Amino acid sequence: MAAAAHTSAPRPASRWGLAGRVAAALGGGVSLFLAFPPIDAWYLAPLGVALLAMSARGCPARRALWLGYLGGAAFLLPSMAWVITIGVDAWLGLVAVESLFYAALAVGVALVGRLAWWPLWAAALWVAVEWARGVFPFGGFPWSRVAFSQGESAFTRYASLGGAPLVTFAVALCGGLLAAAVLKARPPRGGLGRALALPLAGALALPAAGAYAIPHPADEGRTVNIGIVQGNVPGRGMYPMGDEPAVVLRNHNEQIHAMARAVREGRLPRPGLVVLPENSTDIDPYRDAYARASIDAAVKDIGVPVLVGAVVAIGDRERATRSLVWDPVTGPGAYYDKQQLVPFGEFTPFKEIVLALFERARLVGRQSVAGARDGDLRMGPVTIGAVNCYEVAFDRVVRDTVRAGGTPLAVQTNNATYARSNLPPQQLAMSKLRAVEHNRAVVTAATTGISAYVTPDGVVAWQTGELVADMTVVTVPIRSQSTLATMVGPGPEWALILLGACAVGVALLRARRAPPSSEPMGDEGR
């Protein structure tokens, strides 16, 4: 940051100029929020990126820093409002930390904004910042990535080429091109609206044209019937499982029995396997005879392997969030333990300090242990790819599960604490993007919703409401063909990160060599 002091300093902005930048930062953040579910105005994402770029470009580093922070907060405060359930302090604290990444992004945009082709370099910086958010701190928090606003949009198919990072890059590039076009435009007699119409149309037409050129994987002619169960839970908020023991276990087992009756009566096709949510039993079936017998009876009734979600004890002090294959003949067998754990939800960073300061942190209870293998689990006629809740936001976990042979993907989730917030639809949007990214159908089972079946084209073919008990059997295509994104893995992401870093380096080098000059807001610079 010391090198930024040598950049050519703009003239002090007038009150109107500064007000315009503040308005652009706030407008950009709000536009990005509106692009995400449940509002799903995906076309506003490029506009949000454009406004954030316009607020930072041409600024000195210090001003860009706080403008970026302001824009990030305007985006994250509403998009992460679901955290309020845990506490307003937790919500504000999370937003305060995550907004720092957008402050850094704005400084980067201010630097590369002085280079030719700056929208390209700025788009690469968006990828770099989202990568950083997925790694730091405490294992990362990649929620609200730009790509996750594009579950069904003109940008979605880019996921099959370079995963979520390429989708973010495409959106950010179009936003940068829109910003560049607006900054160059001279308002005609028709006013600013007419000046913006052509750049906006061009910025949105570009990804649509590119998406049509991406080939769609062909259907392979194989299918499997999968039962999906959503049992619902009695409690809400921080105590979703309620006070009555085994009620969550009973709710889900009752739905399995209901499915078995519907199959016998011909109202549903016979499933080849059944998927239950994360935490579908609130009692450890390894240690409790009633839980084991109850699950075993339900699985025998349906007569096919069932993927049970359980939190199981490991030793006396630790636990694992487990996807457990329960066979109607042999009982509990193969399993997958969640790898990407939720900080402050499944484990407590800086445990001694945090537990001393915050009583709520004790709700975590036993500390979870991360699994060490991928989620490929043989179930009846297929090898499903088990992904556990929070993990669907992490590229590596989903990609490695597909590479290990998982098809279709089964996402088990427990959103009971956040029911009726904007979290369940945001998580469903991630499943839609993952389906296209890897050419795999995705079956999502949630305790309270939203449970769903997403086709390999990213279309939601069936879904539940929230806070209801429900179940069905869906016919799911089995795909084995790999997309380019699955094959090349993180390569495109690292290439874009390197591109952005090199652009920042060149901008800093040129700034050191350049004589002081002034650059008013809106100047295209060098």
Protein backbone atom coordinates (compact mmCIF):
# COMPACT_ATOMS: atom_id res chain seq x y z
CA MET A 1 0.00 0.00 0.00
CA ALA A 2 2.98 2.30 0.48
CA ALA A 3 3.56 2.27 -3.24
CA ALA A 4 0.08 3.65 -3.78
CA ALA A 5 1.29 6.94 -2.33
CA HIS A 6 3.27 7.51 -5.54
CA THR A 7 0.18 7.28 -7.76
CA SER A 8 -0.91 10.42 -9.53
CA ALA A 9 -3.31 12.15 -7.20
CA PRO A 10 -6.65 13.37 -8.55
CA ARG A 11 -7.91 16.85 -7.84
CA PRO A 12 -9.95 17.01 -4.66
CA ALA A 13 -13.49 16.08 -5.61
CA SER A 14 -16.28 18.58 -5.34
CA ARG A 15 -19.10 17.76 -2.97
CA TRP A 16 -21.17 16.64 -5.95
CA GLY A 17 -18.32 14.47 -7.21
CA LEU A 18 -17.85 12.80 -3.85
CA ALA A 19 -21.60 12.44 -3.44
CA GLY A 20 -21.74 10.80 -6.86
CA ARG A 21 -19.10 8.27 -5.87
CA VAL A 22 -20.87 7.47 -2.61
CA ALA A 23 -24.17 7.05 -4.46
CA ALA A 24 -22.48 4.77 -6.99
CA ALA A 25 -20.96 2.62 -4.22
CA LEU A 26 -24.28 2.30 -2.40
CA GLY A 27 -26.21 1.72 -5.63
CA GLY A 28 -23.71 -0.91 -6.74
CA GLY A 29 -24.00 -2.82 -3.48
CA VAL A 30 -27.81 -2.73 -3.51
CA SER A 31 -27.92 -3.79 -7.18
CA LEU A 32 -25.74 -6.80 -6.41
CA PHE A 33 -28.02 -7.77 -3.53
CA LEU A 34 -31.10 -7.58 -5.78
CA ALA A 35 -29.41 -9.95 -8.24
CA PHE A 36 -29.42 -12.74 -5.63
CA PRO A 37 -32.29 -14.98 -4.55
CA PRO A 38 -34.98 -14.66 -3.49
CA ILE A 39 -35.36 -11.55 -5.68
CA ASP A 40 -33.34 -13.15 -8.51
CA ALA A 41 -32.91 -10.03 -10.66
CA TRP A 42 -29.69 -11.60 -12.07
CA TYR A 43 -29.36 -8.94 -14.78
CA LEU A 44 -28.63 -6.33 -12.10
CA ALA A 45 -25.33 -8.01 -11.20
CA PRO A 46 -23.38 -6.39 -14.10
CA LEU A 47 -24.95 -3.05 -13.19
CA GLY A 48 -23.86 -3.49 -9.58
CA VAL A 49 -20.29 -4.28 -10.65
CA ALA A 50 -20.33 -1.28 -13.01
CA LEU A 51 -21.45 1.14 -10.29
CA LEU A 52 -18.86 -0.16 -7.84
CA ALA A 53 -16.16 0.24 -10.50
CA MET A 54 -17.29 3.79 -11.28
CA SER A 55 -17.17 4.71 -7.59
CA ALA A 56 -13.53 3.57 -7.21
CA ARG A 57 -11.94 4.30 -10.59
CA GLY A 58 -9.87 7.45 -10.64
CA CYS A 59 -9.72 7.63 -6.83
CA PRO A 60 -6.62 7.71 -4.66
CA ALA A 61 -6.16 4.50 -2.72
CA ARG A 62 -7.49 5.82 0.60
CA ARG A 63 -10.74 7.03 -0.89
CA ALA A 64 -11.20 3.86 -2.92
CA LEU A 65 -10.65 1.86 0.26
CA TRP A 66 -13.55 3.31 2.19
CA LEU A 67 -15.80 3.57 -0.86
CA GLY A 68 -15.23 -0.13 -1.52
CA TYR A 69 -15.97 -0.93 2.10
CA LEU A 70 -19.18 1.10 1.88
CA GLY A 71 -20.27 -0.68 -1.29
CA GLY A 72 -19.41 -4.08 0.17
CA ALA A 73 -21.43 -3.36 3.30
CA ALA A 74 -24.40 -2.15 1.22
CA PHE A 75 -24.29 -5.50 -0.59
CA LEU A 76 -23.62 -7.84 2.32
CA LEU A 77 -25.90 -6.33 4.98
CA PRO A 78 -29.09 -7.40 3.17
CA SER A 79 -27.67 -10.47 1.39
CA MET A 80 -26.44 -11.96 4.69
CA ALA A 81 -29.46 -10.86 6.71
CA TRP A 82 -30.14 -14.53 7.52
CA VAL A 83 -27.33 -14.33 10.11
CA ILE A 84 -29.57 -12.09 12.26
CA THR A 85 -31.14 -15.31 13.57
CA ILE A 86 -27.88 -15.98 15.43
CA GLY A 87 -27.71 -12.40 16.66
CA VAL A 88 -27.48 -8.86 15.35
CA ASP A 89 -23.92 -8.67 16.66
CA ALA A 90 -22.95 -11.81 14.71
CA TRP A 91 -24.54 -10.38 11.55
CA LEU A 92 -22.80 -7.01 11.86
CA GLY A 93 -19.50 -8.63 12.80
CA LEU A 94 -19.56 -10.95 9.78
CA VAL A 95 -20.43 -8.10 7.41
CA ALA A 96 -17.74 -5.91 8.93
CA VAL A 97 -15.08 -8.56 8.25
CA GLU A 98 -16.29 -9.58 4.79
CA SER A 99 -16.59 -5.96 3.61
CA LEU A 100 -12.82 -5.64 3.99
CA PHE A 101 -12.42 -7.79 0.89
CA TYR A 102 -14.47 -5.32 -1.15
CA ALA A 103 -12.38 -2.47 0.22
CA ALA A 104 -9.28 -4.24 -1.10
CA LEU A 105 -11.04 -4.88 -4.41
CA ALA A 106 -11.83 -1.17 -4.80
CA VAL A 107 -8.18 -0.25 -4.24
CA GLY A 108 -7.23 -2.75 -6.92
CA VAL A 109 -9.78 -1.31 -9.34
CA ALA A 110 -8.49 2.21 -8.64
CA LEU A 111 -4.98 1.03 -9.56
CA VAL A 112 -5.74 -1.02 -12.68
CA GLY A 113 -8.29 1.59 -13.79
CA ARG A 114 -5.33 3.62 -15.11
CA LEU A 115 -4.34 0.86 -17.53
CA ALA A 116 -5.61 0.16 -21.02
CA TRP A 117 -8.28 -2.58 -21.10
CA TRP A 118 -8.94 -1.96 -17.42
CA PRO A 119 -12.32 -3.81 -17.35
CA LEU A 120 -10.45 -7.05 -18.10
CA TRP A 121 -8.02 -6.59 -15.21
CA ALA A 122 -10.78 -5.46 -12.83
CA ALA A 123 -12.84 -8.57 -13.64
CA ALA A 124 -9.81 -10.75 -12.82
CA LEU A 125 -9.55 -8.97 -9.47
CA TRP A 126 -13.15 -9.95 -8.65
CA VAL A 127 -12.11 -13.59 -9.07
CA ALA A 128 -9.06 -13.06 -6.85
CA VAL A 129 -11.09 -11.43 -4.08
CA GLU A 130 -13.73 -14.16 -4.13
CA TRP A 131 -11.00 -16.79 -3.93
CA ALA A 132 -9.57 -15.00 -0.89
CA ARG A 133 -13.02 -14.88 0.75
CA GLY A 134 -13.25 -18.65 0.29
CA VAL A 135 -9.97 -19.23 2.14
CA PHE A 136 -9.67 -16.58 4.88
CA PRO A 137 -10.41 -16.42 7.76
CA PHE A 138 -11.14 -19.77 9.49
CA GLY A 139 -11.33 -21.75 6.26
CA GLY A 140 -13.23 -19.09 4.33
CA PHE A 141 -16.81 -17.95 3.83
CA PRO A 142 -17.61 -17.98 0.09
CA TRP A 143 -21.26 -17.03 0.48
CA SER A 144 -22.64 -14.31 -1.83
CA ARG A 145 -20.12 -14.86 -4.61
CA VAL A 146 -21.28 -13.07 -7.77
CA ALA A 147 -21.54 -16.43 -9.56
CA PHE A 148 -24.18 -17.59 -7.09
CA SER A 149 -26.54 -14.88 -8.31
CA GLN A 150 -26.54 -16.54 -11.73
CA GLY A 151 -28.29 -19.85 -11.10
CA GLU A 152 -30.51 -19.41 -14.16
CA SER A 153 -29.22 -16.60 -16.33
CA ALA A 154 -27.39 -15.75 -19.54
CA PHE A 155 -24.13 -16.32 -17.67
CA THR A 156 -24.90 -19.76 -16.20
CA ARG A 157 -23.42 -21.92 -18.94
CA TYR A 158 -19.97 -20.42 -18.40
CA ALA A 159 -19.84 -22.59 -15.28
CA SER A 160 -19.33 -25.67 -17.48
CA LEU A 161 -16.15 -24.13 -18.91
CA GLY A 162 -14.44 -22.67 -15.85
CA GLY A 163 -16.72 -23.19 -12.86
CA ALA A 164 -18.05 -20.50 -10.57
CA PRO A 165 -14.89 -18.33 -10.98
CA LEU A 166 -15.47 -17.99 -14.73
CA VAL A 167 -19.11 -17.03 -14.15
CA THR A 168 -17.99 -14.30 -11.75
CA PHE A 169 -15.38 -13.17 -14.30
CA ALA A 170 -17.97 -12.97 -17.10
CA VAL A 171 -20.37 -10.93 -14.96
CA ALA A 172 -17.60 -8.62 -13.73
CA LEU A 173 -16.19 -8.15 -17.22
CA CYS A 174 -19.59 -7.12 -18.55
CA GLY A 175 -20.00 -4.77 -15.61
CA GLY A 176 -16.59 -3.23 -16.31
CA LEU A 177 -17.41 -2.81 -19.99
CA LEU A 178 -20.67 -1.14 -19.04
CA ALA A 179 -18.82 1.23 -16.70
CA ALA A 180 -16.27 2.05 -19.39
CA ALA A 181 -19.02 2.74 -21.93
CA VAL A 182 -20.89 5.02 -19.53
CA LEU A 183 -17.75 6.95 -18.60
CA LYS A 184 -17.00 7.55 -22.26
CA ALA A 185 -20.58 8.44 -23.16
CA ARG A 186 -21.71 12.00 -23.72
CA PRO A 187 -25.38 12.40 -22.80
CA PRO A 188 -27.33 13.27 -25.99
CA ARG A 189 -30.39 15.44 -26.17
CA GLY A 190 -32.46 12.50 -25.06
CA GLY A 191 -30.72 12.54 -21.68
CA LEU A 192 -28.61 10.11 -19.72
CA GLY A 193 -31.14 7.28 -20.03
CA ARG A 194 -30.65 7.09 -23.79
CA ALA A 195 -26.88 7.27 -23.32
CA LEU A 196 -27.00 4.25 -21.01
CA ALA A 197 -29.37 2.15 -23.12
CA LEU A 198 -26.86 1.02 -25.76
CA PRO A 199 -23.99 0.22 -23.33
CA LEU A 200 -26.37 -1.71 -21.07
CA ALA A 201 -27.83 -3.70 -23.98
CA GLY A 202 -24.32 -4.50 -25.24
CA ALA A 203 -23.07 -5.58 -21.83
CA LEU A 204 -25.95 -8.02 -21.40
CA ALA A 205 -25.92 -9.27 -25.00
CA LEU A 206 -22.26 -10.30 -24.79
CA PRO A 207 -22.68 -13.16 -22.29
CA ALA A 208 -25.90 -14.35 -23.90
CA ALA A 209 -24.15 -14.67 -27.27
CA GLY A 210 -21.24 -16.49 -25.69
CA ALA A 211 -23.51 -18.88 -23.78
CA TYR A 212 -25.18 -20.05 -27.01
CA ALA A 213 -21.77 -21.13 -28.28
CA ILE A 214 -21.17 -23.43 -25.31
CA PRO A 215 -22.20 -27.01 -26.19
CA HIS A 216 -24.81 -28.74 -24.06
CA PRO A 217 -23.83 -32.25 -22.91
CA ALA A 218 -26.06 -34.90 -24.43
CA ASP A 219 -28.40 -37.10 -22.42
CA GLU A 220 -26.88 -40.55 -21.89
CA GLY A 221 -30.14 -42.47 -21.66
CA ARG A 222 -29.78 -43.74 -18.09
CA THR A 223 -31.93 -42.77 -15.13
CA VAL A 224 -32.46 -43.63 -11.48
CA ASN A 225 -35.48 -43.04 -9.24
CA ILE A 226 -34.53 -41.17 -6.07
CA GLY A 227 -36.75 -40.59 -3.08
CA ILE A 228 -36.41 -37.20 -1.36
CA VAL A 229 -37.60 -36.73 2.23
CA GLN A 230 -38.19 -33.50 4.14
CA GLY A 231 -39.43 -34.30 7.64
CA ASN A 232 -39.62 -30.79 9.16
CA VAL A 233 -38.65 -29.93 12.75
CA PRO A 234 -40.66 -28.51 15.66
CA GLY A 235 -38.41 -25.64 16.76
CA ARG A 236 -37.30 -22.39 15.20
CA GLY A 237 -34.27 -20.12 15.31
CA MET A 238 -31.36 -21.16 17.52
CA TYR A 239 -33.30 -24.15 18.92
CA PRO A 240 -34.78 -25.76 15.79
CA MET A 241 -34.80 -29.37 17.06
CA GLY A 242 -37.24 -28.60 19.88
CA ASP A 243 -37.28 -30.00 23.40
CA GLU A 244 -38.93 -33.37 22.76
CA PRO A 245 -36.31 -36.10 22.25
CA ALA A 246 -36.30 -38.03 18.96
CA VAL A 247 -39.01 -35.86 17.35
CA VAL A 248 -36.83 -35.01 14.33
CA LEU A 249 -35.91 -38.69 13.91
CA ARG A 250 -39.61 -39.62 14.12
CA ASN A 251 -40.68 -36.96 11.62
CA HIS A 252 -38.28 -38.22 8.96
CA ASN A 253 -38.98 -41.88 9.57
CA GLU A 254 -42.71 -41.21 9.24
CA GLN A 255 -42.09 -39.70 5.81
CA ILE A 256 -40.13 -42.80 4.76
CA HIS A 257 -43.04 -44.99 5.86
CA ALA A 258 -45.44 -42.70 3.98
CA MET A 259 -43.29 -43.06 0.86
CA ALA A 260 -43.30 -46.84 1.22
CA ARG A 261 -47.13 -46.86 1.43
CA ALA A 262 -47.38 -44.62 -1.63
CA VAL A 263 -45.09 -47.00 -3.56
CA ARG A 264 -47.12 -50.05 -2.55
CA GLU A 265 -50.35 -48.29 -3.58
CA GLY A 266 -48.89 -47.27 -6.94
CA ARG A 267 -49.01 -43.51 -6.21
CA LEU A 268 -45.22 -43.19 -6.48
CA PRO A 269 -42.65 -45.16 -8.49
CA ARG A 270 -40.33 -47.42 -6.55
CA PRO A 271 -37.09 -45.56 -5.72
CA GLY A 272 -33.63 -47.01 -6.22
CA LEU A 273 -32.44 -45.06 -3.16
CA VAL A 274 -33.69 -42.41 -0.74
CA VAL A 275 -31.96 -39.23 0.44
CA LEU A 276 -32.68 -37.71 3.85
CA PRO A 277 -31.44 -34.30 5.06
CA GLU A 278 -28.48 -33.42 7.23
CA ASN A 279 -29.51 -34.01 10.87
CA SER A 280 -32.45 -36.19 9.83
CA THR A 281 -31.91 -37.94 13.16
CA ASP A 282 -31.33 -35.88 16.29
CA ILE A 283 -29.99 -38.98 18.11
CA ASP A 284 -26.75 -40.80 17.35
CA PRO A 285 -27.86 -44.18 15.88
CA TYR A 286 -24.51 -45.76 16.71
CA ARG A 287 -25.03 -45.18 20.44
CA ASP A 288 -28.80 -45.29 20.86
CA ALA A 289 -30.69 -48.56 20.40
CA TYR A 290 -34.06 -46.84 19.83
CA ALA A 291 -32.68 -44.61 17.06
CA ARG A 292 -30.99 -47.56 15.37
CA ALA A 293 -34.12 -49.73 15.49
CA SER A 294 -36.37 -46.90 14.32
CA ILE A 295 -34.20 -46.05 11.30
CA ASP A 296 -33.74 -49.73 10.47
CA ALA A 297 -37.52 -50.33 10.47
CA ALA A 298 -38.12 -47.38 8.13
CA VAL A 299 -35.35 -48.46 5.76
CA LYS A 300 -36.66 -52.04 5.68
CA ASP A 301 -40.14 -50.69 4.92
CA ILE A 302 -38.98 -48.81 1.82
CA GLY A 303 -36.63 -51.67 0.94
CA VAL A 304 -33.79 -49.65 -0.65
CA PRO A 305 -30.62 -47.95 0.64
CA VAL A 306 -31.28 -44.68 2.48
CA LEU A 307 -28.77 -41.85 2.95
CA VAL A 308 -29.24 -40.80 6.58
CA GLY A 309 -27.93 -37.51 7.97
CA ALA A 310 -26.58 -37.86 11.50
CA VAL A 311 -24.27 -36.10 13.92
CA VAL A 312 -22.28 -38.92 15.49
CA ALA A 313 -19.95 -38.97 18.47
CA ILE A 314 -16.25 -39.65 18.01
CA GLY A 315 -14.73 -40.52 21.33
CA ASP A 316 -15.85 -38.50 24.34
CA ARG A 317 -15.29 -34.94 23.11
CA GLU A 318 -15.64 -34.80 19.33
CA ARG A 319 -18.25 -35.44 16.67
CA ALA A 320 -18.69 -35.75 12.91
CA THR A 321 -21.49 -34.59 10.60
CA ARG A 322 -22.10 -37.80 8.68
CA SER A 323 -23.86 -38.94 5.53
CA LEU A 324 -24.53 -42.59 6.36
CA VAL A 325 -25.65 -45.27 3.89
CA TRP A 326 -28.22 -47.48 5.61
CA ASP A 327 -28.94 -50.74 3.79
CA PRO A 328 -32.25 -52.59 4.36
CA VAL A 329 -30.36 -55.87 4.83
CA THR A 330 -26.98 -55.03 6.33
CA GLY A 331 -27.85 -51.82 8.18
CA PRO A 332 -25.43 -48.87 8.56
CA GLY A 333 -22.38 -49.12 6.32
CA ALA A 334 -20.34 -46.74 4.18
CA TYR A 335 -20.34 -43.07 5.13
CA TYR A 336 -19.03 -39.64 4.27
CA ASP A 337 -17.98 -37.16 6.96
CA LYS A 338 -18.35 -33.47 6.18
CA GLN A 339 -15.00 -31.93 5.23
CA GLN A 340 -15.75 -28.20 5.17
CA LEU A 341 -16.96 -27.32 8.64
CA VAL A 342 -18.89 -24.20 9.63
CA PRO A 343 -16.83 -21.91 11.89
CA PHE A 344 -18.69 -21.09 15.12
CA GLY A 345 -21.36 -23.60 14.06
CA GLU A 346 -19.48 -26.90 14.02
CA PHE A 347 -16.18 -25.83 15.49
CA THR A 348 -15.02 -22.84 17.53
CA PRO A 349 -11.92 -20.93 16.38
CA PHE A 350 -9.87 -19.57 19.30
CA LYS A 351 -12.04 -21.81 21.44
CA GLU A 352 -10.92 -20.81 24.92
CA ILE A 353 -11.22 -17.08 24.28
CA VAL A 354 -14.52 -17.26 22.38
CA LEU A 355 -16.21 -19.53 24.92
CA ALA A 356 -15.15 -17.20 27.72
CA LEU A 357 -16.61 -14.15 25.98
CA PHE A 358 -19.78 -15.44 24.30
CA GLU A 359 -22.28 -17.71 25.99
CA ARG A 360 -23.96 -18.53 22.65
CA ALA A 361 -20.74 -20.13 21.43
CA ARG A 362 -21.41 -23.00 23.86
CA LEU A 363 -24.32 -24.08 21.64
CA VAL A 364 -21.74 -25.62 19.32
CA GLY A 365 -21.26 -28.33 21.94
CA ARG A 366 -18.78 -31.01 20.91
CA GLN A 367 -16.24 -29.82 18.39
CA SER A 368 -16.62 -31.39 14.94
CA VAL A 369 -13.86 -33.28 13.19
CA ALA A 370 -13.48 -32.80 9.43
CA GLY A 371 -13.68 -35.81 7.15
CA ALA A 372 -10.70 -36.83 5.03
CA ARG A 373 -12.27 -38.50 1.97
CA ASP A 374 -14.55 -37.57 -0.91
CA GLY A 375 -18.29 -38.19 -0.85
CA ASP A 376 -18.58 -40.96 -3.45
CA LEU A 377 -20.93 -43.54 -1.91
CA ARG A 378 -22.35 -46.59 -3.63
CA MET A 379 -26.12 -46.74 -3.16
CA GLY A 380 -28.11 -49.33 -5.05
CA PRO A 381 -27.71 -48.77 -8.80
CA VAL A 382 -25.49 -45.65 -8.62
CA THR A 383 -22.55 -44.03 -6.88
CA ILE A 384 -23.99 -40.83 -5.46
CA GLY A 385 -21.86 -37.79 -4.67
CA ALA A 386 -22.61 -36.74 -1.09
CA VAL A 387 -22.19 -33.01 -0.40
CA ASN A 388 -23.10 -31.74 3.04
CA CYS A 389 -24.90 -28.38 3.35
CA TYR A 390 -22.27 -25.61 3.70
CA GLU A 391 -19.94 -27.53 1.37
CA VAL A 392 -21.97 -26.74 -1.74
CA ALA A 393 -20.44 -23.24 -1.67
CA PHE A 394 -16.90 -24.64 -1.95
CA ASP A 395 -15.63 -25.45 -5.45
CA ARG A 396 -13.06 -28.03 -4.42
CA VAL A 397 -15.37 -30.22 -2.35
CA VAL A 398 -18.01 -30.51 -5.08
CA ARG A 399 -15.46 -30.94 -7.88
CA ASP A 400 -13.51 -33.66 -6.05
CA THR A 401 -16.73 -35.55 -5.30
CA VAL A 402 -17.67 -35.53 -9.00
CA ARG A 403 -14.16 -36.57 -10.00
CA ALA A 404 -14.39 -39.48 -7.55
CA GLY A 405 -17.38 -40.79 -9.51
CA GLY A 406 -20.34 -39.15 -7.78
CA THR A 407 -23.40 -38.98 -10.07
CA PRO A 408 -25.93 -37.67 -9.30
CA LEU A 409 -25.04 -35.27 -6.49
CA ALA A 410 -26.95 -35.47 -3.21
CA VAL A 411 -26.86 -32.31 -1.11
CA GLN A 412 -28.04 -32.91 2.46
CA THR A 413 -28.75 -29.73 4.35
CA ASN A 414 -30.24 -28.44 7.58
CA ASN A 415 -31.46 -24.86 7.22
CA ALA A 416 -33.93 -25.05 10.10
CA THR A 417 -32.29 -22.20 12.01
CA TYR A 418 -32.67 -19.94 8.96
CA ALA A 419 -36.11 -20.99 7.71
CA ARG A 420 -37.99 -18.33 5.74
CA SER A 421 -34.85 -16.19 5.47
CA ASN A 422 -32.93 -15.58 2.25
CA LEU A 423 -30.51 -18.44 3.01
CA PRO A 424 -32.50 -21.43 1.63
CA PRO A 425 -33.08 -19.87 -1.83
CA GLN A 426 -29.45 -18.73 -1.97
CA GLN A 427 -28.29 -22.26 -1.25
CA LEU A 428 -30.61 -23.68 -3.90
CA ALA A 429 -29.07 -21.28 -6.42
CA MET A 430 -25.66 -22.79 -5.65
CA SER A 431 -27.03 -26.25 -6.46
CA LYS A 432 -28.32 -24.94 -9.79
CA LEU A 433 -24.90 -23.61 -10.70
CA ARG A 434 -23.16 -26.83 -9.57
CA ALA A 435 -25.47 -28.90 -11.77
CA VAL A 436 -24.39 -26.99 -14.88
CA GLU A 437 -20.76 -26.76 -13.77
CA HIS A 438 -20.38 -30.54 -13.57
CA ASN A 439 -23.16 -31.89 -15.83
CA ARG A 440 -24.76 -33.67 -12.89
CA ALA A 441 -28.29 -33.76 -11.57
CA VAL A 442 -28.50 -32.47 -8.00
CA VAL A 443 -30.94 -33.78 -5.40
CA THR A 444 -31.26 -31.59 -2.31
CA ALA A 445 -32.87 -32.84 0.89
CA ALA A 446 -33.46 -30.25 3.62
CA THR A 447 -34.99 -30.65 7.07
CA THR A 448 -37.35 -27.68 6.66
CA GLY A 449 -36.80 -26.71 2.99
CA ILE A 450 -35.98 -26.00 0.33
CA SER A 451 -35.68 -29.61 -0.84
CA ALA A 452 -35.40 -29.89 -4.60
CA TYR A 453 -34.39 -31.77 -7.71
CA VAL A 454 -32.23 -29.80 -10.17
CA THR A 455 -31.61 -31.15 -13.68
CA PRO A 456 -28.09 -31.17 -15.19
CA ASP A 457 -29.16 -28.06 -17.12
CA GLY A 458 -29.67 -26.17 -13.87
CA VAL A 459 -33.48 -26.19 -13.98
CA VAL A 460 -35.45 -26.85 -10.79
CA ALA A 461 -37.82 -29.66 -11.77
CA TRP A 462 -39.34 -30.14 -8.30
CA GLN A 463 -39.12 -28.36 -4.97
CA THR A 464 -40.85 -28.17 -1.62
CA GLY A 465 -42.16 -25.29 0.37
CA GLU A 466 -40.58 -24.39 3.71
CA LEU A 467 -41.58 -25.55 7.19
CA VAL A 468 -43.65 -28.45 5.85
CA ALA A 469 -43.20 -32.21 5.82
CA ASP A 470 -42.97 -33.54 2.28
CA MET A 471 -41.57 -36.36 0.18
CA THR A 472 -41.56 -37.59 -3.41
CA VAL A 473 -39.74 -39.85 -5.86
CA VAL A 474 -38.10 -38.21 -8.87
CA THR A 475 -36.58 -39.76 -11.98
CA VAL A 476 -33.05 -38.42 -12.32
CA PRO A 477 -30.70 -38.72 -15.31
CA ILE A 478 -27.34 -40.36 -14.69
CA ARG A 479 -24.57 -38.42 -16.40
CA SER A 480 -20.93 -39.54 -16.62
CA GLN A 481 -19.57 -37.09 -19.19
CA SER A 482 -17.24 -34.54 -17.59
CA THR A 483 -17.39 -30.85 -18.36
CA LEU A 484 -14.27 -28.83 -19.09
CA ALA A 485 -14.69 -27.21 -15.67
CA THR A 486 -14.56 -30.60 -13.95
CA MET A 487 -11.49 -31.68 -15.93
CA VAL A 488 -9.35 -28.54 -15.60
CA GLY A 489 -10.33 -27.82 -12.01
CA PRO A 490 -8.95 -24.61 -10.47
CA GLY A 491 -6.72 -23.83 -13.46
CA PRO A 492 -8.89 -21.00 -14.91
CA GLU A 493 -9.30 -19.47 -11.45
CA TRP A 494 -5.55 -19.39 -10.82
CA ALA A 495 -4.91 -17.97 -14.31
CA LEU A 496 -7.36 -15.13 -13.64
CA ILE A 497 -5.90 -14.47 -10.18
CA LEU A 498 -2.43 -14.27 -11.72
CA LEU A 499 -3.76 -11.94 -14.42
CA GLY A 500 -5.22 -9.57 -11.84
CA ALA A 501 -2.07 -9.65 -9.70
CA CYS A 502 0.13 -8.85 -12.70
CA ALA A 503 -2.13 -5.94 -13.66
CA VAL A 504 -1.85 -4.50 -10.15
CA GLY A 505 1.93 -4.91 -10.31
CA VAL A 506 2.14 -3.09 -13.65
CA ALA A 507 -0.13 -0.32 -12.36
CA LEU A 508 2.07 0.19 -9.29
CA LEU A 509 5.23 0.19 -11.39
CA ARG A 510 3.85 2.80 -13.79
CA ALA A 511 2.58 4.92 -10.94
CA ARG A 512 6.07 5.10 -9.44
CA ARG A 513 7.50 6.29 -12.73
CA ALA A 514 4.73 8.73 -13.63
CA PRO A 515 4.96 12.45 -12.75
CA PRO A 516 2.17 13.88 -10.57
CA SER A 517 -0.95 14.84 -12.50
CA SER A 518 -4.61 15.41 -11.88
CA GLU A 519 -7.48 13.20 -12.99
CA PRO A 520 -11.07 14.29 -12.35
CA MET A 521 -13.87 11.81 -11.83
CA GLY A 522 -14.94 10.17 -15.05
CA ASP A 523 -11.65 10.71 -16.86
CA GLU A 524 -10.67 7.54 -18.67
CA GLY A 525 -7.02 7.92 -17.66
CA ARG A 526 -4.21 6.01 -19.23
